[in-house]
Amino acid sequence: MSGRILEEVHETARGMLDVVAIDEKRMEEYDVLCLSSVPE
């Protein structure tokens, strides 16, 4: 996928985390999918 699409997917997931629609574990999965390097 293009970098821009992955940025948008990650931003959407971050918003979902903020409103507790997903949990931290699921957010970690989005981090792995969308980010080049995942902060530890």
N, C-alpha and C. Protein backbone atom coordinates (compact mmCIF):
# COMPACT_ATOMS: atom_id res chain seq x y z
N MET A 1 0.84 -1.18 0.00
CA MET A 1 0.00 0.00 0.00
C MET A 1 0.88 1.24 0.00
N SER A 2 0.32 2.31 -0.50
CA SER A 2 1.10 3.53 -0.52
C SER A 2 1.24 4.11 0.88
N GLY A 3 2.28 4.89 1.08
CA GLY A 3 2.53 5.49 2.37
C GLY A 3 1.39 6.37 2.84
N ARG A 4 0.78 7.10 1.92
CA ARG A 4 -0.31 8.01 2.29
C ARG A 4 -1.52 7.23 2.81
N ILE A 5 -1.84 6.12 2.16
CA ILE A 5 -2.97 5.29 2.61
C ILE A 5 -2.69 4.74 4.00
N LEU A 6 -1.48 4.25 4.22
CA LEU A 6 -1.13 3.71 5.53
C LEU A 6 -1.17 4.78 6.61
N GLU A 7 -0.76 6.01 6.26
CA GLU A 7 -0.85 7.11 7.21
C GLU A 7 -2.31 7.35 7.61
N GLU A 8 -3.20 7.33 6.65
CA GLU A 8 -4.62 7.55 6.92
C GLU A 8 -5.22 6.42 7.76
N VAL A 9 -4.84 5.19 7.44
CA VAL A 9 -5.32 4.04 8.21
C VAL A 9 -4.85 4.17 9.66
N HIS A 10 -3.58 4.53 9.84
CA HIS A 10 -3.04 4.67 11.19
C HIS A 10 -3.71 5.81 11.94
N GLU A 11 -3.94 6.91 11.28
CA GLU A 11 -4.62 8.05 11.91
C GLU A 11 -6.03 7.67 12.35
N THR A 12 -6.72 6.92 11.50
CA THR A 12 -8.07 6.45 11.85
C THR A 12 -8.02 5.52 13.04
N ALA A 13 -7.07 4.61 13.05
CA ALA A 13 -6.93 3.68 14.18
C ALA A 13 -6.61 4.45 15.46
N ARG A 14 -5.78 5.47 15.37
CA ARG A 14 -5.45 6.28 16.55
C ARG A 14 -6.72 6.94 17.10
N GLY A 15 -7.56 7.44 16.21
CA GLY A 15 -8.83 8.02 16.64
C GLY A 15 -9.72 6.99 17.31
N MET A 16 -9.73 5.79 16.78
CA MET A 16 -10.53 4.71 17.38
C MET A 16 -10.00 4.37 18.77
N LEU A 17 -8.69 4.38 18.92
CA LEU A 17 -8.10 4.12 20.23
C LEU A 17 -8.50 5.23 21.21
N ASP A 18 -8.49 6.46 20.75
CA ASP A 18 -8.83 7.60 21.61
C ASP A 18 -10.25 7.51 22.15
N VAL A 19 -11.16 6.95 21.38
CA VAL A 19 -12.56 6.83 21.84
C VAL A 19 -12.87 5.42 22.35
N VAL A 20 -11.81 4.65 22.57
CA VAL A 20 -11.88 3.30 23.13
C VAL A 20 -12.70 2.35 22.25
N ALA A 21 -12.63 2.54 20.94
CA ALA A 21 -13.27 1.62 20.02
C ALA A 21 -12.35 0.42 19.74
N ILE A 22 -11.05 0.59 19.97
CA ILE A 22 -10.08 -0.51 19.91
C ILE A 22 -9.19 -0.41 21.13
N ASP A 23 -8.51 -1.51 21.46
CA ASP A 23 -7.62 -1.50 22.62
C ASP A 23 -6.16 -1.34 22.18
N GLU A 24 -5.28 -1.22 23.18
CA GLU A 24 -3.86 -1.01 22.90
C GLU A 24 -3.27 -2.16 22.07
N LYS A 25 -3.68 -3.38 22.35
CA LYS A 25 -3.16 -4.53 21.60
C LYS A 25 -3.49 -4.40 20.12
N ARG A 26 -4.72 -4.02 19.80
CA ARG A 26 -5.11 -3.84 18.40
C ARG A 26 -4.33 -2.68 17.79
N MET A 27 -4.12 -1.61 18.57
CA MET A 27 -3.36 -0.46 18.06
C MET A 27 -1.94 -0.87 17.72
N GLU A 28 -1.37 -1.74 18.52
CA GLU A 28 -0.03 -2.24 18.23
C GLU A 28 0.00 -2.96 16.88
N GLU A 29 -1.07 -3.67 16.55
CA GLU A 29 -1.15 -4.35 15.27
C GLU A 29 -1.18 -3.32 14.12
N TYR A 30 -1.93 -2.23 14.31
CA TYR A 30 -1.94 -1.16 13.31
C TYR A 30 -0.57 -0.50 13.20
N ASP A 31 0.11 -0.33 14.34
CA ASP A 31 1.46 0.23 14.31
C ASP A 31 2.37 -0.61 13.42
N VAL A 32 2.33 -1.92 13.63
CA VAL A 32 3.19 -2.82 12.86
C VAL A 32 2.83 -2.75 11.37
N LEU A 33 1.55 -2.70 11.07
CA LEU A 33 1.10 -2.65 9.69
C LEU A 33 1.48 -1.35 9.01
N CYS A 34 1.34 -0.23 9.73
CA CYS A 34 1.39 1.08 9.09
C CYS A 34 2.68 1.84 9.24
N LEU A 35 3.45 1.56 10.26
CA LEU A 35 4.65 2.36 10.53
C LEU A 35 5.91 1.65 10.08
N SER A 36 6.85 2.41 9.57
CA SER A 36 8.12 1.84 9.15
C SER A 36 8.89 1.28 10.33
N SER A 37 8.95 2.08 11.41
CA SER A 37 9.60 1.60 12.63
C SER A 37 8.65 1.87 13.78
N VAL A 38 8.44 0.85 14.58
CA VAL A 38 7.48 0.94 15.69
C VAL A 38 8.23 1.36 16.95
N PRO A 39 7.81 2.47 17.58
CA PRO A 39 8.47 2.86 18.83
C PRO A 39 8.17 1.86 19.94
N GLU A 40 9.18 1.58 20.78
CA GLU A 40 8.99 0.61 21.87
C GLU A 40 8.68 1.29 23.17
